[in-house]
């Protein structure tokens, strides 16, 4: 099989705005803010917005809080 054939390329898994927002546990308004700020890539397909599941996963990873980074929020 040719390595450039469609069968050899991984299928992109698309998510709707609602699915992505639900996955991230945020409102669609917050999701749109992430998109508008350039933090989360999205694609307009006609009148709908779609997100690649892999890019939502990557975004989720970037949101991880590092241990010790919240000390400014702790009340002493």
PDB file of N, CA and C in Angstrom:
ATOM      1  N   UNK A   1       0.844  -1.185   0.000  1.00  0.00           N
ATOM      2  CA  UNK A   1       0.000   0.000   0.000  1.00  0.00           C
ATOM      3  C   UNK A   1       0.886   1.244   0.000  1.00  0.00           C
ATOM      4  N   UNK A   2       0.542   2.242  -0.766  1.00  0.00           N
ATOM      5  CA  UNK A   2       1.278   3.498  -0.878  1.00  0.00           C
ATOM      6  C   UNK A   2       1.154   4.273   0.429  1.00  0.00           C
ATOM      7  N   UNK A   3       2.281   4.812   0.924  1.00  0.00           N
ATOM      8  CA  UNK A   3       2.243   5.528   2.203  1.00  0.00           C
ATOM      9  C   UNK A   3       1.488   6.842   2.117  1.00  0.00           C
ATOM     10  N   UNK A   4       1.185   7.323   0.901  1.00  0.00           N
ATOM     11  CA  UNK A   4       0.415   8.555   0.750  1.00  0.00           C
ATOM     12  C   UNK A   4      -1.067   8.294   0.513  1.00  0.00           C
ATOM     13  N   UNK A   5      -1.484   7.042   0.554  1.00  0.00           N
ATOM     14  CA  UNK A   5      -2.885   6.729   0.310  1.00  0.00           C
ATOM     15  C   UNK A   5      -3.727   7.161   1.509  1.00  0.00           C
ATOM     16  N   UNK A   6      -4.989   7.518   1.262  1.00  0.00           N
ATOM     17  CA  UNK A   6      -5.857   7.962   2.366  1.00  0.00           C
ATOM     18  C   UNK A   6      -5.987   6.936   3.486  1.00  0.00           C
ATOM     19  N   UNK A   7      -5.913   5.645   3.149  1.00  0.00           N
ATOM     20  CA  UNK A   7      -6.075   4.611   4.160  1.00  0.00           C
ATOM     21  C   UNK A   7      -4.913   4.607   5.150  1.00  0.00           C
ATOM     22  N   UNK A   8      -3.740   5.095   4.754  1.00  0.00           N
ATOM     23  CA  UNK A   8      -2.582   5.068   5.645  1.00  0.00           C
ATOM     24  C   UNK A   8      -2.501   6.301   6.541  1.00  0.00           C
ATOM     25  N   UNK A   9      -3.314   7.304   6.292  1.00  0.00           N
ATOM     26  CA  UNK A   9      -3.292   8.514   7.106  1.00  0.00           C
ATOM     27  C   UNK A   9      -4.317   8.375   8.232  1.00  0.00           C
ATOM     28  N   UNK A  10      -3.911   8.796   9.444  1.00  0.00           N
ATOM     29  CA  UNK A  10      -4.873   8.683  10.552  1.00  0.00           C
ATOM     30  C   UNK A  10      -6.082   9.584  10.325  1.00  0.00           C
ATOM     31  N   UNK A  11      -7.237   9.098  10.713  1.00  0.00           N
ATOM     32  CA  UNK A  11      -8.473   9.865  10.591  1.00  0.00           C
ATOM     33  C   UNK A  11      -8.511  10.950  11.660  1.00  0.00           C
ATOM     34  N   UNK A  12      -8.871  12.159  11.260  1.00  0.00           N
ATOM     35  CA  UNK A  12      -9.064  13.246  12.220  1.00  0.00           C
ATOM     36  C   UNK A  12     -10.411  13.043  12.893  1.00  0.00           C
ATOM     37  N   UNK A  13     -10.414  13.135  14.210  1.00  0.00           N
ATOM     38  CA  UNK A  13     -11.656  13.049  14.973  1.00  0.00           C
ATOM     39  C   UNK A  13     -12.091  14.471  15.301  1.00  0.00           C
ATOM     40  N   UNK A  14     -13.221  14.885  14.730  1.00  0.00           N
ATOM     41  CA  UNK A  14     -13.723  16.236  14.919  1.00  0.00           C
ATOM     42  C   UNK A  14     -14.698  16.271  16.078  1.00  0.00           C
ATOM     43  N   UNK A  15     -14.707  17.410  16.781  1.00  0.00           N
ATOM     44  CA  UNK A  15     -15.636  17.631  17.886  1.00  0.00           C
ATOM     45  C   UNK A  15     -16.418  18.906  17.617  1.00  0.00           C
ATOM     46  N   UNK A  16     -17.657  18.926  18.037  1.00  0.00           N
ATOM     47  CA  UNK A  16     -18.440  20.156  17.975  1.00  0.00           C
ATOM     48  C   UNK A  16     -18.008  21.051  19.134  1.00  0.00           C
ATOM     49  N   UNK A  17     -18.427  22.294  19.086  1.00  0.00           N
ATOM     50  CA  UNK A  17     -18.134  23.223  20.183  1.00  0.00           C
ATOM     51  C   UNK A  17     -18.716  22.705  21.496  1.00  0.00           C
ATOM     52  N   UNK A  18     -19.930  22.208  21.441  1.00  0.00           N
ATOM     53  CA  UNK A  18     -20.566  21.686  22.654  1.00  0.00           C
ATOM     54  C   UNK A  18     -19.809  20.487  23.206  1.00  0.00           C
ATOM     55  N   UNK A  19     -19.390  19.572  22.333  1.00  0.00           N
ATOM     56  CA  UNK A  19     -18.639  18.392  22.776  1.00  0.00           C
ATOM     57  C   UNK A  19     -17.313  18.799  23.419  1.00  0.00           C
ATOM     58  N   UNK A  20     -16.608  19.744  22.783  1.00  0.00           N
ATOM     59  CA  UNK A  20     -15.318  20.190  23.310  1.00  0.00           C
ATOM     60  C   UNK A  20     -15.491  20.897  24.649  1.00  0.00           C
ATOM     61  N   UNK A  21     -16.504  21.751  24.752  1.00  0.00           N
ATOM     62  CA  UNK A  21     -16.762  22.458  26.007  1.00  0.00           C
ATOM     63  C   UNK A  21     -17.084  21.462  27.114  1.00  0.00           C
ATOM     64  N   UNK A  22     -17.904  20.488  26.802  1.00  0.00           N
ATOM     65  CA  UNK A  22     -18.267  19.469  27.784  1.00  0.00           C
ATOM     66  C   UNK A  22     -17.035  18.677  28.209  1.00  0.00           C
ATOM     67  N   UNK A  23     -16.207  18.319  27.246  1.00  0.00           N
ATOM     68  CA  UNK A  23     -14.985  17.562  27.523  1.00  0.00           C
ATOM     69  C   UNK A  23     -14.067  18.329  28.476  1.00  0.00           C
ATOM     70  N   UNK A  24     -13.969  19.648  28.275  1.00  0.00           N
ATOM     71  CA  UNK A  24     -13.091  20.474  29.096  1.00  0.00           C
ATOM     72  C   UNK A  24     -13.761  20.952  30.386  1.00  0.00           C
ATOM     73  N   UNK A  25     -15.067  20.742  30.494  1.00  0.00           N
ATOM     74  CA  UNK A  25     -15.791  21.149  31.693  1.00  0.00           C
ATOM     75  C   UNK A  25     -15.983  22.647  31.791  1.00  0.00           C
ATOM     76  N   UNK A  26     -16.148  23.307  30.633  1.00  0.00           N
ATOM     77  CA  UNK A  26     -16.362  24.758  30.603  1.00  0.00           C
ATOM     78  C   UNK A  26     -17.617  25.057  29.788  1.00  0.00           C
ATOM     79  N   UNK A  27     -18.072  26.300  29.857  1.00  0.00           N
ATOM     80  CA  UNK A  27     -19.215  26.695  29.031  1.00  0.00           C
ATOM     81  C   UNK A  27     -18.743  26.918  27.598  1.00  0.00           C
ATOM     82  N   UNK A  28     -19.679  26.953  26.668  1.00  0.00           N
ATOM     83  CA  UNK A  28     -19.296  27.235  25.276  1.00  0.00           C
ATOM     84  C   UNK A  28     -18.744  28.650  25.157  1.00  0.00           C
ATOM     85  N   UNK A  29     -19.234  29.586  25.982  1.00  0.00           N
ATOM     86  CA  UNK A  29     -18.706  30.958  25.953  1.00  0.00           C
ATOM     87  C   UNK A  29     -17.220  30.963  26.334  1.00  0.00           C
ATOM     88  N   UNK A  30     -16.849  30.186  27.339  1.00  0.00           N
ATOM     89  CA  UNK A  30     -15.445  30.083  27.740  1.00  0.00           C
ATOM     90  C   UNK A  30     -14.630  29.423  26.638  1.00  0.00           C
ATOM     91  N   UNK A  31     -15.176  28.382  26.026  1.00  0.00           N
ATOM     92  CA  UNK A  31     -14.498  27.719  24.907  1.00  0.00           C
ATOM     93  C   UNK A  31     -14.247  28.712  23.782  1.00  0.00           C
ATOM     94  N   UNK A  32     -15.238  29.522  23.432  1.00  0.00           N
ATOM     95  CA  UNK A  32     -15.070  30.517  22.371  1.00  0.00           C
ATOM     96  C   UNK A  32     -14.015  31.558  22.749  1.00  0.00           C
ATOM     97  N   UNK A  33     -13.923  31.880  24.036  1.00  0.00           N
ATOM     98  CA  UNK A  33     -12.890  32.819  24.490  1.00  0.00           C
ATOM     99  C   UNK A  33     -11.502  32.216  24.296  1.00  0.00           C
ATOM    100  N   UNK A  34     -11.341  30.931  24.638  1.00  0.00           N
ATOM    101  CA  UNK A  34     -10.065  30.249  24.407  1.00  0.00           C
ATOM    102  C   UNK A  34      -9.699  30.289  22.918  1.00  0.00           C
ATOM    103  N   UNK A  35     -10.689  30.063  22.066  1.00  0.00           N
ATOM    104  CA  UNK A  35     -10.465  30.082  20.613  1.00  0.00           C
ATOM    105  C   UNK A  35     -10.087  31.485  20.165  1.00  0.00           C
ATOM    106  N   UNK A  36     -10.844  32.480  20.621  1.00  0.00           N
ATOM    107  CA  UNK A  36     -10.620  33.871  20.216  1.00  0.00           C
ATOM    108  C   UNK A  36      -9.259  34.389  20.683  1.00  0.00           C
ATOM    109  N   UNK A  37      -8.809  33.922  21.843  1.00  0.00           N
ATOM    110  CA  UNK A  37      -7.501  34.322  22.368  1.00  0.00           C
ATOM    111  C   UNK A  37      -6.341  33.595  21.677  1.00  0.00           C
ATOM    112  N   UNK A  38      -6.664  32.625  20.832  1.00  0.00           N
ATOM    113  CA  UNK A  38      -5.626  31.874  20.132  1.00  0.00           C
ATOM    114  C   UNK A  38      -5.040  30.742  20.956  1.00  0.00           C
ATOM    115  N   UNK A  39      -5.660  30.433  22.076  1.00  0.00           N
ATOM    116  CA  UNK A  39      -5.158  29.360  22.941  1.00  0.00           C
ATOM    117  C   UNK A  39      -5.584  27.980  22.457  1.00  0.00           C
ATOM    118  N   UNK A  40      -6.676  27.916  21.705  1.00  0.00           N
ATOM    119  CA  UNK A  40      -7.231  26.649  21.242  1.00  0.00           C
ATOM    120  C   UNK A  40      -7.589  26.775  19.770  1.00  0.00           C
ATOM    121  N   UNK A  41      -6.971  25.968  18.902  1.00  0.00           N
ATOM    122  CA  UNK A  41      -7.292  26.054  17.470  1.00  0.00           C
ATOM    123  C   UNK A  41      -8.704  25.538  17.186  1.00  0.00           C
ATOM    124  N   UNK A  42      -9.349  26.166  16.241  1.00  0.00           N
ATOM    125  CA  UNK A  42     -10.686  25.734  15.812  1.00  0.00           C
ATOM    126  C   UNK A  42     -10.827  26.030  14.330  1.00  0.00           C
ATOM    127  N   UNK A  43     -11.822  25.416  13.716  1.00  0.00           N
ATOM    128  CA  UNK A  43     -12.001  25.489  12.266  1.00  0.00           C
ATOM    129  C   UNK A  43     -13.457  25.774  11.949  1.00  0.00           C
ATOM    130  N   UNK A  44     -13.682  26.740  11.058  1.00  0.00           N
ATOM    131  CA  UNK A  44     -15.045  27.044  10.621  1.00  0.00           C
ATOM    132  C   UNK A  44     -15.319  26.210   9.371  1.00  0.00           C
ATOM    133  N   UNK A  45     -16.361  25.424   9.437  1.00  0.00           N
ATOM    134  CA  UNK A  45     -16.778  24.592   8.307  1.00  0.00           C
ATOM    135  C   UNK A  45     -18.208  24.985   7.980  1.00  0.00           C
ATOM    136  N   UNK A  46     -18.318  25.894   7.035  1.00  0.00           N
ATOM    137  CA  UNK A  46     -19.633  26.446   6.748  1.00  0.00           C
ATOM    138  C   UNK A  46     -20.050  27.329   7.904  1.00  0.00           C
ATOM    139  N   UNK A  47     -21.171  26.991   8.511  1.00  0.00           N
ATOM    140  CA  UNK A  47     -21.683  27.799   9.625  1.00  0.00           C
ATOM    141  C   UNK A  47     -21.369  27.207  10.982  1.00  0.00           C
ATOM    142  N   UNK A  48     -20.616  26.116  11.021  1.00  0.00           N
ATOM    143  CA  UNK A  48     -20.309  25.483  12.309  1.00  0.00           C
ATOM    144  C   UNK A  48     -18.821  25.573  12.615  1.00  0.00           C
ATOM    145  N   UNK A  49     -18.507  25.491  13.883  1.00  0.00           N
ATOM    146  CA  UNK A  49     -17.125  25.482  14.340  1.00  0.00           C
ATOM    147  C   UNK A  49     -16.810  24.062  14.801  1.00  0.00           C
ATOM    148  N   UNK A  50     -15.685  23.554  14.351  1.00  0.00           N
ATOM    149  CA  UNK A  50     -15.247  22.216  14.738  1.00  0.00           C
ATOM    150  C   UNK A  50     -13.843  22.305  15.319  1.00  0.00           C
ATOM    151  N   UNK A  51     -13.540  21.385  16.215  1.00  0.00           N
ATOM    152  CA  UNK A  51     -12.228  21.306  16.835  1.00  0.00           C
ATOM    153  C   UNK A  51     -11.698  19.892  16.658  1.00  0.00           C
ATOM    154  N   UNK A  52     -10.388  19.781  16.464  1.00  0.00           N
ATOM    155  CA  UNK A  52      -9.771  18.460  16.369  1.00  0.00           C
ATOM    156  C   UNK A  52      -9.611  17.912  17.790  1.00  0.00           C
ATOM    157  N   UNK A  53     -10.029  16.675  17.970  1.00  0.00           N
ATOM    158  CA  UNK A  53      -9.945  16.053  19.287  1.00  0.00           C
ATOM    159  C   UNK A  53      -8.499  16.052  19.798  1.00  0.00           C
ATOM    160  N   UNK A  54      -7.541  15.805  18.916  1.00  0.00           N
ATOM    161  CA  UNK A  54      -6.130  15.781  19.330  1.00  0.00           C
ATOM    162  C   UNK A  54      -5.677  17.152  19.830  1.00  0.00           C
ATOM    163  N   UNK A  55      -6.177  18.229  19.224  1.00  0.00           N
ATOM    164  CA  UNK A  55      -5.799  19.571  19.656  1.00  0.00           C
ATOM    165  C   UNK A  55      -6.489  19.954  20.965  1.00  0.00           C
ATOM    166  N   UNK A  56      -7.688  19.443  21.187  1.00  0.00           N
ATOM    167  CA  UNK A  56      -8.362  19.647  22.479  1.00  0.00           C
ATOM    168  C   UNK A  56      -7.565  18.916  23.562  1.00  0.00           C
ATOM    169  N   UNK A  57      -7.095  17.702  23.254  1.00  0.00           N
ATOM    170  CA  UNK A  57      -6.268  16.947  24.200  1.00  0.00           C
ATOM    171  C   UNK A  57      -4.975  17.703  24.513  1.00  0.00           C
ATOM    172  N   UNK A  58      -4.338  18.258  23.482  1.00  0.00           N
ATOM    173  CA  UNK A  58      -3.104  19.027  23.678  1.00  0.00           C
ATOM    174  C   UNK A  58      -3.368  20.253  24.554  1.00  0.00           C
ATOM    175  N   UNK A  59      -4.467  20.946  24.287  1.00  0.00           N
ATOM    176  CA  UNK A  59      -4.830  22.124  25.080  1.00  0.00           C
ATOM    177  C   UNK A  59      -5.040  21.737  26.541  1.00  0.00           C
ATOM    178  N   UNK A  60      -5.729  20.642  26.745  1.00  0.00           N
ATOM    179  CA  UNK A  60      -6.000  20.166  28.097  1.00  0.00           C
ATOM    180  C   UNK A  60      -4.688  19.940  28.854  1.00  0.00           C
ATOM    181  N   UNK A  61      -3.706  19.398  28.182  1.00  0.00           N
ATOM    182  CA  UNK A  61      -2.401  19.147  28.792  1.00  0.00           C
ATOM    183  C   UNK A  61      -1.724  20.453  29.192  1.00  0.00           C
ATOM    184  N   UNK A  62      -1.863  21.496  28.367  1.00  0.00           N
ATOM    185  CA  UNK A  62      -1.226  22.782  28.679  1.00  0.00           C
ATOM    186  C   UNK A  62      -1.874  23.461  29.880  1.00  0.00           C
ATOM    187  N   UNK A  63      -3.065  23.044  30.250  1.00  0.00           N
ATOM    188  CA  UNK A  63      -3.781  23.663  31.369  1.00  0.00           C
ATOM    189  C   UNK A  63      -3.423  23.032  32.712  1.00  0.00           C
ATOM    190  N   UNK A  64      -2.614  22.006  32.681  1.00  0.00           N
ATOM    191  CA  UNK A  64      -2.265  21.320  33.932  1.00  0.00           C
ATOM    192  C   UNK A  64      -1.513  22.270  34.855  1.00  0.00           C
ATOM    193  N   UNK A  65      -1.906  22.265  36.106  1.00  0.00           N
ATOM    194  CA  UNK A  65      -1.281  23.116  37.116  1.00  0.00           C
ATOM    195  C   UNK A  65      -0.067  22.381  37.685  1.00  0.00           C
ATOM    196  N   UNK A  66       1.062  23.066  37.670  1.00  0.00           N
ATOM    197  CA  UNK A  66       2.287  22.493  38.216  1.00  0.00           C
ATOM    198  C   UNK A  66       2.253  22.590  39.745  1.00  0.00           C
ATOM    199  N   UNK A  67       2.713  21.553  40.436  1.00  0.00           N
ATOM    200  CA  UNK A  67       2.764  21.606  41.902  1.00  0.00           C
ATOM    201  C   UNK A  67       3.571  22.812  42.373  1.00  0.00           C
ATOM    202  N   UNK A  68       3.073  23.471  43.394  1.00  0.00           N
ATOM    203  CA  UNK A  68       3.752  24.623  43.974  1.00  0.00           C
ATOM    204  C   UNK A  68       3.447  25.945  43.296  1.00  0.00           C
ATOM    205  N   UNK A  69       2.632  25.927  42.242  1.00  0.00           N
ATOM    206  CA  UNK A  69       2.365  27.171  41.514  1.00  0.00           C
ATOM    207  C   UNK A  69       1.153  27.933  42.053  1.00  0.00           C
ATOM    208  N   UNK A  70       0.478  27.396  43.042  1.00  0.00           N
ATOM    209  CA  UNK A  70      -0.707  28.059  43.589  1.00  0.00           C
ATOM    210  C   UNK A  70      -0.486  28.653  44.974  1.00  0.00           C
ATOM    211  N   UNK A  71       0.751  28.746  45.388  1.00  0.00           N
ATOM    212  CA  UNK A  71       1.020  29.234  46.749  1.00  0.00           C
ATOM    213  C   UNK A  71       0.460  30.648  46.965  1.00  0.00           C
ATOM    214  N   UNK A  72       0.397  31.443  45.917  1.00  0.00           N
ATOM    215  CA  UNK A  72      -0.148  32.797  46.051  1.00  0.00           C
ATOM    216  C   UNK A  72      -1.651  32.799  46.346  1.00  0.00           C
ATOM    217  N   UNK A  73      -2.311  31.671  46.161  1.00  0.00           N
ATOM    218  CA  UNK A  73      -3.755  31.590  46.425  1.00  0.00           C
ATOM    219  C   UNK A  73      -4.060  31.043  47.821  1.00  0.00           C
ATOM    220  N   UNK A  74      -3.065  30.495  48.470  1.00  0.00           N
ATOM    221  CA  UNK A  74      -3.276  29.897  49.789  1.00  0.00           C
ATOM    222  C   UNK A  74      -3.318  30.975  50.862  1.00  0.00           C
ATOM    223  N   UNK A  75      -4.287  30.840  51.738  1.00  0.00           N
ATOM    224  CA  UNK A  75      -4.401  31.794  52.852  1.00  0.00           C
ATOM    225  C   UNK A  75      -3.554  31.305  54.018  1.00  0.00           C
ATOM    226  N   UNK A  76      -2.794  32.171  54.571  1.00  0.00           N
ATOM    227  CA  UNK A  76      -1.924  31.822  55.702  1.00  0.00           C
ATOM    228  C   UNK A  76      -2.570  32.243  56.988  1.00  0.00           C
TER     229      UNK A  76
END
